[in-house]
Amino acid sequence: MSKTIRIDHAKAAGAFLQKPDHVAFHDKRLWDLRSKRDAQAHGIPEWETMRELASGIKEHTLSNLAEYIGQFVDQAEKNGVVVHFAANAEEHNELVYKLMSERGMTSLVKSKSMLTDECYMRDYLEPRGSGITVMETDLGERIQQLDHQDPSHMVVPAVHKLRADVAELFGKTIGTDPKNSDIHYLAESQRMNTRPYFVREKTAGMTGCNFAVAETGTVVVCTNEGNADLSANVLPLYIASIGIEKLIPTIADLGVFVRMLSRSALGSPITQYTSHFRAPRPGTEMHYILVDNGRSERLGMDDFWFSLKCIRCGACMNTCPVYRRSGELSYGGTYSGPIGAIINPTYDLKRYSALPFASTMNGSCTNVCPVKVNIHEQIYKWRAVIAEKHEVPFVKQEVLKMAGRLLASPTLYRGTVASLGGALKRLPNFVLYNPLNIWGRGRDLPEAPAETFHEWYKKNRKPAK
């Protein structure tokens, strides 16, 4: 039995902080997205009403999920779509492999899908010796694929990279000029590299799913590059990978989410493409794979099922001060930032036990969530679960125990403060400003007071009249 490796978020974040140019760009870029989101939200008087409505639709759907899955499947099959069910990541990947291998397909071109990343589909398909090549056609996902990395953000997967990084990577992998970091040149180079795959023989297309409409059996995919439309409409076999939480009841409900998704994600009124895929074109095949992969189990968790409302907009990541300053791949899973801190532990509590502690608990993530997921409250509850199950690292446990004993005893506390004397005043400055702490370079501490509050109070206390 293999030993679970804990994700050391602090260590990985520390490595990212050693690259100040990247940190500054990452922080500014994401805060720009947050600011644009705010401008859009403030321009819509009914924004908070829409949040309530979207949250209510999601809660209603999840409370009646079996009914809506049944309706979606019935409508899809009437439309000529073949529907499959996958209980977990392995079943999902096996279904994709089976659909392709039975038809002699050797290439899969796909648009962005967090679910296929969650299932590690590329890692499953490509090493099988089957000759299947998986091509990411989203620019950010393609950058990460070429660099053999997971996405670092739900919406902008390579946001932790500078233009110069991408230019160097493209120079090594697709033969472009490694010194040309012009964004138009890089985007065009990526398009020229991927587009030929859409017309290759023995190629299948794949998309993820933003919303699955039960009323019509329709899959709705929102993109800004149009690559999903090519993946779904050009090739003889189209596969849509759908998490069961993506269901919504009606087309009328869709309007609420479409208005909120891009505004929350990028601060733009709508995505460039909002594509509805309902039925196969003549002479082609269309397959849906409905995936559980732990979602039913999470739905049964009283404190944590609200995370299934998430529409993958990334707004919580854009606002989070911890993620903005410690991003890159420090969260160690498919989902990063505040939403990753509450989703990842549902898959492996021990592995991701550090993530709920990577938070200041400021509540900004909850405030910007378009479907009102109570993210910061769930982070707090995960901390309690982790502590109860003794999944807090040993050193941290012992330090917290010592601190608890010290703070619980006034006599011990005052004796410790008195014994440390002047060293206590100098300790914060040493911790913050030592050469190993890059975080302290841009911070200032106030000067330590001449006396503690207890000493001051003892000296100045006046008897009650």
Protein backbone atom coordinates (compact mmCIF):
# COMPACT_ATOMS: atom_id res chain seq x y z
CA MET A 1 0.00 0.00 0.00
CA SER A 2 1.52 3.32 -1.07
CA LYS A 3 2.04 6.02 1.53
CA THR A 4 -0.01 9.19 1.11
CA ILE A 5 2.21 12.18 0.38
CA ARG A 6 0.95 15.35 2.04
CA ILE A 7 0.88 18.48 -0.07
CA ASP A 8 3.18 21.00 1.60
CA HIS A 9 1.51 24.20 0.47
CA ALA A 10 3.82 26.43 2.49
CA LYS A 11 6.94 24.92 0.96
CA ALA A 12 5.60 25.15 -2.59
CA ALA A 13 4.41 28.70 -1.99
CA GLY A 14 7.85 29.57 -0.63
CA ALA A 15 9.41 28.38 -3.88
CA PHE A 16 7.04 30.61 -5.87
CA LEU A 17 7.88 33.59 -3.64
CA GLN A 18 11.52 33.24 -4.68
CA LYS A 19 10.42 34.60 -8.09
CA PRO A 20 9.38 38.18 -7.26
CA ASP A 21 8.60 39.16 -10.87
CA HIS A 22 6.22 36.23 -11.19
CA VAL A 23 4.61 36.93 -7.83
CA ALA A 24 4.05 40.60 -8.66
CA PHE A 25 2.54 39.75 -12.06
CA HIS A 26 0.35 36.99 -10.62
CA ASP A 27 -0.96 39.24 -7.87
CA LYS A 28 -1.65 42.19 -10.17
CA ARG A 29 -3.21 40.15 -12.98
CA LEU A 30 -5.67 38.41 -10.67
CA TRP A 31 -6.54 41.58 -8.79
CA ASP A 32 -7.23 43.25 -12.14
CA LEU A 33 -9.75 40.48 -12.85
CA ARG A 34 -11.32 41.00 -9.43
CA SER A 35 -11.58 44.76 -10.07
CA LYS A 36 -13.21 44.20 -13.46
CA ARG A 37 -15.63 41.77 -11.83
CA ASP A 38 -16.58 44.44 -9.29
CA ALA A 39 -17.19 47.02 -12.02
CA GLN A 40 -19.52 44.62 -13.84
CA ALA A 41 -21.38 43.68 -10.65
CA HIS A 42 -21.83 47.31 -9.61
CA GLY A 43 -23.28 48.09 -13.04
CA ILE A 44 -26.14 45.62 -12.55
CA PRO A 45 -28.64 46.76 -9.89
CA GLU A 46 -30.11 43.26 -9.57
CA TRP A 47 -26.70 41.56 -9.09
CA GLU A 48 -27.36 40.35 -5.55
CA THR A 49 -30.82 39.17 -6.58
CA MET A 50 -29.20 37.18 -9.38
CA ARG A 51 -26.76 35.61 -6.92
CA GLU A 52 -29.65 34.54 -4.72
CA LEU A 53 -31.51 33.15 -7.73
CA ALA A 54 -28.48 31.26 -9.06
CA SER A 55 -27.77 29.80 -5.63
CA GLY A 56 -31.40 28.76 -5.25
CA ILE A 57 -31.49 27.08 -8.68
CA LYS A 58 -28.34 25.12 -7.85
CA GLU A 59 -29.63 24.12 -4.42
CA HIS A 60 -32.96 22.99 -5.87
CA THR A 61 -31.25 20.98 -8.62
CA LEU A 62 -28.84 19.27 -6.23
CA SER A 63 -31.73 18.45 -3.88
CA ASN A 64 -33.52 16.72 -6.78
CA LEU A 65 -30.47 15.56 -8.71
CA ALA A 66 -31.64 12.04 -9.56
CA GLU A 67 -34.83 13.43 -11.11
CA TYR A 68 -32.97 15.94 -13.27
CA ILE A 69 -30.34 13.44 -14.37
CA GLY A 70 -33.14 11.16 -15.52
CA GLN A 71 -34.82 13.97 -17.45
CA PHE A 72 -31.53 15.01 -19.04
CA VAL A 73 -30.72 11.46 -20.14
CA ASP A 74 -34.21 10.92 -21.60
CA GLN A 75 -34.06 14.12 -23.63
CA ALA A 76 -30.50 13.51 -24.80
CA GLU A 77 -31.33 10.02 -26.02
CA LYS A 78 -34.38 11.38 -27.87
CA ASN A 79 -31.97 13.80 -29.56
CA GLY A 80 -29.81 10.91 -30.76
CA VAL A 81 -27.06 11.23 -28.16
CA VAL A 82 -25.57 8.13 -26.53
CA VAL A 83 -25.27 8.62 -22.75
CA HIS A 84 -22.78 6.81 -20.51
CA PHE A 85 -22.27 6.86 -16.75
CA ALA A 86 -18.89 6.84 -14.99
CA ALA A 87 -18.74 6.26 -11.24
CA ASN A 88 -15.16 7.47 -10.97
CA ALA A 89 -12.18 8.81 -12.91
CA GLU A 90 -11.02 5.39 -14.02
CA GLU A 91 -14.40 4.51 -15.54
CA HIS A 92 -14.50 7.88 -17.31
CA ASN A 93 -11.07 7.35 -18.83
CA GLU A 94 -11.85 3.76 -19.82
CA LEU A 95 -15.00 4.91 -21.60
CA VAL A 96 -13.08 7.54 -23.58
CA TYR A 97 -10.43 4.98 -24.49
CA LYS A 98 -13.06 2.43 -25.52
CA LEU A 99 -15.00 4.89 -27.67
CA MET A 100 -11.85 5.89 -29.50
CA SER A 101 -10.15 2.52 -29.84
CA GLU A 102 -13.28 0.77 -31.13
CA ARG A 103 -13.46 3.33 -33.93
CA GLY A 104 -9.76 3.31 -34.70
CA MET A 105 -9.28 6.89 -33.50
CA THR A 106 -5.70 7.91 -32.76
CA SER A 107 -6.05 11.62 -31.89
CA LEU A 108 -8.28 13.50 -29.47
CA VAL A 109 -8.61 17.28 -29.74
CA LYS A 110 -10.31 18.85 -26.77
CA SER A 111 -11.35 22.16 -25.34
CA LYS A 112 -10.83 23.15 -21.72
CA SER A 113 -12.27 20.77 -19.12
CA MET A 114 -11.53 20.79 -15.40
CA LEU A 115 -13.23 17.40 -15.15
CA THR A 116 -10.80 15.69 -17.52
CA ASP A 117 -7.96 17.31 -15.56
CA GLU A 118 -9.55 15.99 -12.36
CA CYS A 119 -9.66 12.51 -13.92
CA TYR A 120 -6.05 12.81 -15.20
CA MET A 121 -7.35 11.63 -18.55
CA ARG A 122 -4.25 12.58 -20.54
CA ASP A 123 -2.05 10.62 -18.15
CA TYR A 124 -4.33 7.62 -18.66
CA LEU A 125 -4.65 7.70 -22.45
CA GLU A 126 -1.23 8.66 -23.73
CA PRO A 127 1.03 6.09 -22.00
CA ARG A 128 -1.12 3.09 -22.97
CA GLY A 129 0.85 2.28 -26.09
CA SER A 130 -2.33 2.79 -28.10
CA GLY A 131 -0.96 5.66 -30.12
CA ILE A 132 -3.68 8.03 -28.89
CA THR A 133 -2.51 11.65 -28.85
CA VAL A 134 -4.41 14.20 -26.76
CA MET A 135 -4.24 17.80 -27.96
CA GLU A 136 -5.35 20.65 -25.70
CA THR A 137 -6.67 23.47 -27.88
CA ASP A 138 -7.29 26.11 -25.21
CA LEU A 139 -4.24 28.40 -25.20
CA GLY A 140 -3.64 28.25 -21.45
CA GLU A 141 -4.21 24.51 -21.24
CA ARG A 142 -1.92 23.95 -24.23
CA ILE A 143 0.84 25.96 -22.54
CA GLN A 144 0.50 23.82 -19.44
CA GLN A 145 0.40 20.61 -21.47
CA LEU A 146 3.61 21.51 -23.29
CA ASP A 147 5.23 22.28 -19.93
CA HIS A 148 3.96 18.99 -18.42
CA GLN A 149 2.13 20.87 -15.67
CA ASP A 150 -1.40 20.90 -14.29
CA PRO A 151 -3.41 24.12 -14.71
CA SER A 152 -2.85 26.62 -11.92
CA HIS A 153 -6.19 28.43 -12.30
CA MET A 154 -9.70 27.39 -13.34
CA VAL A 155 -10.10 30.00 -16.06
CA VAL A 156 -6.57 31.18 -16.88
CA PRO A 157 -4.56 27.95 -16.51
CA ALA A 158 -1.12 29.47 -17.14
CA VAL A 159 -1.58 32.77 -15.29
CA HIS A 160 1.55 32.11 -13.22
CA LYS A 161 3.74 32.32 -16.33
CA LEU A 162 5.21 35.48 -17.84
CA ARG A 163 5.17 36.10 -21.60
CA ALA A 164 8.90 35.41 -21.69
CA ASP A 165 8.28 32.01 -20.07
CA VAL A 166 5.76 31.11 -22.76
CA ALA A 167 8.06 32.32 -25.54
CA GLU A 168 10.89 30.16 -24.21
CA LEU A 169 8.57 27.16 -23.81
CA PHE A 170 7.15 27.50 -27.34
CA GLY A 171 10.67 27.83 -28.70
CA LYS A 172 11.60 24.50 -27.13
CA THR A 173 8.40 22.64 -28.03
CA ILE A 174 6.80 23.98 -31.20
CA GLY A 175 9.77 25.68 -32.84
CA THR A 176 8.88 29.36 -32.53
CA ASP A 177 11.27 32.23 -31.85
CA PRO A 178 12.13 31.87 -28.14
CA LYS A 179 12.91 35.59 -27.86
CA ASN A 180 9.65 36.81 -29.37
CA SER A 181 7.22 37.31 -26.48
CA ASP A 182 4.62 39.31 -28.39
CA ILE A 183 1.25 37.97 -27.26
CA HIS A 184 -0.27 38.06 -30.75
CA TYR A 185 2.68 36.13 -32.16
CA LEU A 186 2.42 33.53 -29.38
CA ALA A 187 -1.34 33.08 -29.75
CA GLU A 188 -1.11 32.78 -33.53
CA SER A 189 1.74 30.27 -33.21
CA GLN A 190 -0.35 28.12 -30.90
CA ARG A 191 -3.30 28.24 -33.31
CA MET A 192 -1.11 27.26 -36.25
CA ASN A 193 0.25 24.39 -34.19
CA THR A 194 -3.11 22.97 -33.12
CA ARG A 195 -5.50 23.68 -36.01
CA PRO A 196 -4.14 20.93 -38.31
CA TYR A 197 -5.30 18.36 -35.76
CA PHE A 198 -8.94 19.27 -36.44
CA VAL A 199 -8.69 17.94 -40.00
CA ARG A 200 -6.56 14.88 -39.34
CA GLU A 201 -8.03 11.48 -40.04
CA LYS A 202 -8.94 9.21 -37.12
CA THR A 203 -9.46 12.19 -34.82
CA ALA A 204 -12.21 12.64 -32.23
CA GLY A 205 -13.35 15.84 -30.53
CA MET A 206 -14.07 16.46 -26.87
CA THR A 207 -15.38 19.27 -24.68
CA GLY A 208 -16.18 19.78 -21.07
CA CYS A 209 -19.49 21.21 -19.95
CA ASN A 210 -20.41 24.44 -18.19
CA PHE A 211 -24.12 23.67 -17.92
CA ALA A 212 -26.25 20.64 -18.79
CA VAL A 213 -29.90 21.56 -19.37
CA ALA A 214 -32.26 18.80 -18.22
CA GLU A 215 -35.26 20.20 -20.11
CA THR A 216 -33.60 19.87 -23.53
CA GLY A 217 -30.73 17.41 -23.06
CA THR A 218 -28.36 20.18 -24.17
CA VAL A 219 -24.72 20.69 -23.21
CA VAL A 220 -23.67 24.35 -22.97
CA VAL A 221 -19.98 25.25 -23.28
CA CYS A 222 -18.66 28.79 -22.75
CA THR A 223 -15.30 29.74 -24.29
CA ASN A 224 -13.43 32.77 -25.61
CA GLU A 225 -11.44 30.99 -28.32
CA GLY A 226 -14.04 29.04 -30.29
CA ASN A 227 -12.08 25.83 -29.88
CA ALA A 228 -15.03 23.99 -28.33
CA ASP A 229 -17.08 24.59 -31.47
CA LEU A 230 -14.35 23.05 -33.61
CA SER A 231 -14.00 20.09 -31.26
CA ALA A 232 -17.74 19.42 -31.31
CA ASN A 233 -18.74 20.25 -34.88
CA VAL A 234 -15.91 19.29 -37.25
CA LEU A 235 -15.05 15.71 -36.34
CA PRO A 236 -16.95 12.42 -36.74
CA LEU A 237 -16.96 11.58 -33.01
CA TYR A 238 -17.81 14.11 -30.30
CA ILE A 239 -17.56 13.30 -26.58
CA ALA A 240 -18.76 15.63 -23.81
CA SER A 241 -17.40 15.05 -20.32
CA ILE A 242 -20.02 16.20 -17.78
CA GLY A 243 -19.89 16.36 -14.00
CA ILE A 244 -23.31 15.47 -12.58
CA GLU A 245 -23.36 18.75 -10.62
CA LYS A 246 -23.53 20.70 -13.91
CA LEU A 247 -27.26 19.98 -14.30
CA ILE A 248 -29.74 22.85 -14.30
CA PRO A 249 -33.48 22.38 -14.87
CA THR A 250 -34.43 24.63 -17.81
CA ILE A 251 -33.20 26.88 -20.59
CA ALA A 252 -34.77 29.80 -18.73
CA ASP A 253 -32.49 29.06 -15.77
CA LEU A 254 -29.47 29.18 -18.07
CA GLY A 255 -29.87 32.91 -18.63
CA VAL A 256 -29.04 33.67 -15.00
CA PHE A 257 -25.78 31.72 -15.10
CA VAL A 258 -24.66 33.01 -18.49
CA ARG A 259 -25.04 36.59 -17.24
CA MET A 260 -22.95 35.85 -14.16
CA LEU A 261 -20.25 33.44 -15.33
CA SER A 262 -17.99 35.65 -17.44
CA ARG A 263 -18.61 38.72 -15.30
CA SER A 264 -17.40 36.80 -12.25
CA ALA A 265 -14.51 35.11 -14.04
CA LEU A 266 -12.98 37.81 -16.25
CA GLY A 267 -15.03 40.94 -15.72
CA SER A 268 -16.54 40.77 -19.21
CA PRO A 269 -20.30 40.80 -19.94
CA ILE A 270 -20.31 37.41 -21.66
CA THR A 271 -17.93 34.87 -23.13
CA GLN A 272 -17.16 35.22 -26.85
CA TYR A 273 -18.84 31.88 -27.53
CA THR A 274 -21.78 30.33 -25.66
CA SER A 275 -22.33 27.12 -27.58
CA HIS A 276 -25.28 24.74 -27.29
CA PHE A 277 -24.65 21.14 -28.35
CA ARG A 278 -27.84 19.12 -28.56
CA ALA A 279 -27.74 16.47 -31.27
CA PRO A 280 -25.22 14.80 -33.60
CA ARG A 281 -24.82 16.06 -37.13
CA PRO A 282 -25.84 13.60 -39.85
CA GLY A 283 -23.26 10.87 -40.23
CA THR A 284 -21.53 11.62 -36.92
CA GLU A 285 -21.73 10.35 -33.33
CA MET A 286 -22.32 12.30 -30.14
CA HIS A 287 -21.66 10.82 -26.68
CA TYR A 288 -22.17 12.22 -23.18
CA ILE A 289 -20.25 10.82 -20.21
CA LEU A 290 -21.94 11.73 -16.93
CA VAL A 291 -19.32 11.54 -14.19
CA ASP A 292 -19.76 11.13 -10.44
CA ASN A 293 -16.19 10.77 -9.11
CA GLY A 294 -17.02 11.52 -5.49
CA ARG A 295 -19.82 14.01 -6.11
CA SER A 296 -22.59 11.80 -4.70
CA GLU A 297 -20.52 11.24 -1.58
CA ARG A 298 -19.97 14.98 -1.20
CA LEU A 299 -23.69 15.59 -1.71
CA GLY A 300 -24.23 13.53 1.44
CA MET A 301 -21.84 15.66 3.52
CA ASP A 302 -23.97 18.03 5.61
CA ASP A 303 -21.26 20.67 5.95
CA PHE A 304 -19.62 20.43 2.53
CA TRP A 305 -22.19 19.70 -0.18
CA PHE A 306 -22.58 23.40 -1.02
CA SER A 307 -19.29 23.25 -2.92
CA LEU A 308 -21.20 21.35 -5.62
CA LYS A 309 -22.85 24.65 -6.55
CA CYS A 310 -19.53 25.91 -7.92
CA ILE A 311 -19.68 27.02 -11.58
CA ARG A 312 -15.86 27.13 -11.96
CA CYS A 313 -15.62 30.89 -12.49
CA GLY A 314 -12.46 31.34 -10.39
CA ALA A 315 -13.70 34.55 -8.73
CA CYS A 316 -12.69 33.24 -5.31
CA MET A 317 -9.16 32.68 -6.59
CA ASN A 318 -8.91 36.16 -8.08
CA THR A 319 -9.77 37.80 -4.77
CA CYS A 320 -7.86 35.52 -2.38
CA PRO A 321 -4.74 37.24 -0.97
CA VAL A 322 -3.13 33.89 -0.18
CA TYR A 323 -3.64 32.41 -3.65
CA ARG A 324 -2.62 35.63 -5.40
CA ARG A 325 0.71 35.67 -3.55
CA SER A 326 1.38 31.93 -3.36
CA GLY A 327 -0.18 30.56 -6.51
CA GLU A 328 1.52 28.65 -9.31
CA LEU A 329 1.07 24.95 -8.45
CA SER A 330 1.31 25.23 -4.67
CA TYR A 331 -2.08 23.61 -4.00
CA GLY A 332 -0.99 20.28 -5.46
CA GLY A 333 -4.31 19.34 -7.06
CA THR A 334 -6.61 20.12 -9.96
CA TYR A 335 -8.41 22.79 -7.96
CA SER A 336 -6.44 25.65 -6.41
CA GLY A 337 -7.29 28.64 -4.26
CA PRO A 338 -10.19 28.80 -1.79
CA ILE A 339 -12.41 26.44 -3.80
CA GLY A 340 -9.55 23.94 -3.97
CA ALA A 341 -9.17 24.18 -0.19
CA ILE A 342 -12.71 22.83 0.24
CA ILE A 343 -12.98 20.46 -2.75
CA ASN A 344 -9.61 18.68 -2.64
CA PRO A 345 -9.99 17.33 0.94
CA THR A 346 -13.14 15.48 -0.15
CA TYR A 347 -10.92 13.34 -2.37
CA ASP A 348 -8.04 12.74 0.05
CA LEU A 349 -8.17 14.36 3.47
CA LYS A 350 -4.64 13.41 4.49
CA ARG A 351 -3.01 14.51 1.23
CA TYR A 352 -4.73 17.91 1.19
CA SER A 353 -4.89 18.57 4.93
CA ALA A 354 -2.71 21.70 4.67
CA LEU A 355 -4.97 23.54 2.21
CA PRO A 356 -7.74 24.75 4.57
CA PHE A 357 -5.01 26.43 6.63
CA ALA A 358 -3.86 28.44 3.59
CA SER A 359 -6.43 31.13 4.28
CA THR A 360 -6.75 34.38 6.22
CA MET A 361 -10.48 33.69 6.74
CA ASN A 362 -11.33 37.18 5.44
CA GLY A 363 -14.51 35.95 3.73
CA SER A 364 -13.85 37.72 0.43
CA CYS A 365 -14.14 34.42 -1.45
CA THR A 366 -17.69 33.95 -0.18
CA ASN A 367 -18.60 37.57 -0.96
CA VAL A 368 -17.67 37.30 -4.65
CA CYS A 369 -19.01 33.79 -5.33
CA PRO A 370 -21.83 34.12 -7.90
CA VAL A 371 -23.69 31.12 -6.45
CA LYS A 372 -23.06 32.07 -2.81
CA VAL A 373 -20.99 29.06 -1.77
CA ASN A 374 -20.06 29.68 1.88
CA ILE A 375 -16.40 29.04 1.13
CA HIS A 376 -14.76 30.58 4.19
CA GLU A 377 -17.18 28.80 6.52
CA GLN A 378 -16.38 25.48 4.86
CA ILE A 379 -12.66 26.19 5.19
CA TYR A 380 -13.17 26.70 8.93
CA LYS A 381 -15.18 23.47 9.20
CA TRP A 382 -12.49 21.54 7.31
CA ARG A 383 -9.94 22.80 9.82
CA ALA A 384 -12.07 21.35 12.62
CA VAL A 385 -12.40 18.01 10.80
CA ILE A 386 -8.66 17.85 10.16
CA ALA A 387 -7.88 18.60 13.80
CA GLU A 388 -10.39 16.02 15.05
CA LYS A 389 -8.95 13.36 12.78
CA HIS A 390 -5.39 14.24 13.86
CA GLU A 391 -4.35 15.09 10.32
CA VAL A 392 -2.52 18.25 11.40
CA PRO A 393 1.27 17.70 10.95
CA PHE A 394 3.01 16.53 14.13
CA VAL A 395 5.21 19.62 14.60
CA LYS A 396 2.25 21.96 14.23
CA GLN A 397 0.24 19.84 16.68
CA GLU A 398 2.96 20.07 19.32
CA VAL A 399 3.48 23.80 18.83
CA LEU A 400 -0.27 24.42 19.16
CA LYS A 401 -0.41 22.28 22.31
CA MET A 402 2.43 24.26 23.85
CA ALA A 403 0.80 27.55 22.89
CA GLY A 404 -2.49 26.36 24.36
CA ARG A 405 -0.90 25.48 27.69
CA LEU A 406 0.97 28.79 27.77
CA LEU A 407 -2.04 30.95 26.96
CA ALA A 408 -4.35 29.02 29.31
CA SER A 409 -2.20 29.80 32.36
CA PRO A 410 -1.83 33.49 33.33
CA THR A 411 1.00 32.63 35.73
CA LEU A 412 2.94 30.64 33.11
CA TYR A 413 2.30 33.29 30.44
CA ARG A 414 3.50 36.21 32.59
CA GLY A 415 6.50 34.25 33.82
CA THR A 416 7.51 33.42 30.24
CA VAL A 417 7.16 37.04 29.11
CA ALA A 418 9.20 38.26 32.08
CA SER A 419 11.95 35.68 31.54
CA LEU A 420 12.34 36.57 27.87
CA GLY A 421 12.75 40.25 28.68
CA GLY A 422 14.16 42.32 25.83
CA ALA A 423 14.50 39.29 23.57
CA LEU A 424 10.73 39.23 23.11
CA LYS A 425 10.82 42.74 21.66
CA ARG A 426 13.52 41.81 19.16
CA LEU A 427 12.05 38.42 18.14
CA PRO A 428 9.37 39.69 15.70
CA ASN A 429 11.94 41.79 13.84
CA PHE A 430 14.31 38.84 13.58
CA VAL A 431 11.55 36.55 12.29
CA LEU A 432 10.32 39.09 9.74
CA TYR A 433 13.55 40.63 8.52
CA ASN A 434 15.98 37.73 8.42
CA PRO A 435 17.51 37.04 4.95
CA LEU A 436 15.55 33.80 4.55
CA ASN A 437 12.15 35.49 4.77
CA ILE A 438 11.43 37.09 1.41
CA TRP A 439 7.90 37.97 2.59
CA GLY A 440 9.33 40.49 5.05
CA ARG A 441 11.08 42.62 2.45
CA GLY A 442 8.04 44.71 1.74
CA ARG A 443 6.59 44.80 5.25
CA ASP A 444 7.04 47.10 8.23
CA LEU A 445 6.48 46.25 11.88
CA PRO A 446 5.57 48.91 14.43
CA GLU A 447 8.11 49.40 17.17
CA ALA A 448 7.62 47.20 20.22
CA PRO A 449 6.10 49.10 23.17
CA ALA A 450 8.23 49.80 26.21
CA GLU A 451 5.95 47.67 28.38
CA THR A 452 3.28 45.02 27.98
CA PHE A 453 -0.39 45.87 28.36
CA HIS A 454 -0.47 43.93 31.64
CA GLU A 455 2.43 45.99 32.99
CA TRP A 456 0.78 49.22 31.87
CA TYR A 457 -2.58 48.24 33.34
CA LYS A 458 -1.01 47.28 36.66
CA LYS A 459 0.71 50.66 36.84
CA ASN A 460 -2.25 52.78 35.75
CA ARG A 461 -5.24 50.92 37.16
CA LYS A 462 -7.40 53.07 39.37
CA PRO A 463 -9.65 51.62 42.05
CA ALA A 464 -13.34 51.68 41.26
CA LYS A 465 -15.32 54.40 42.98
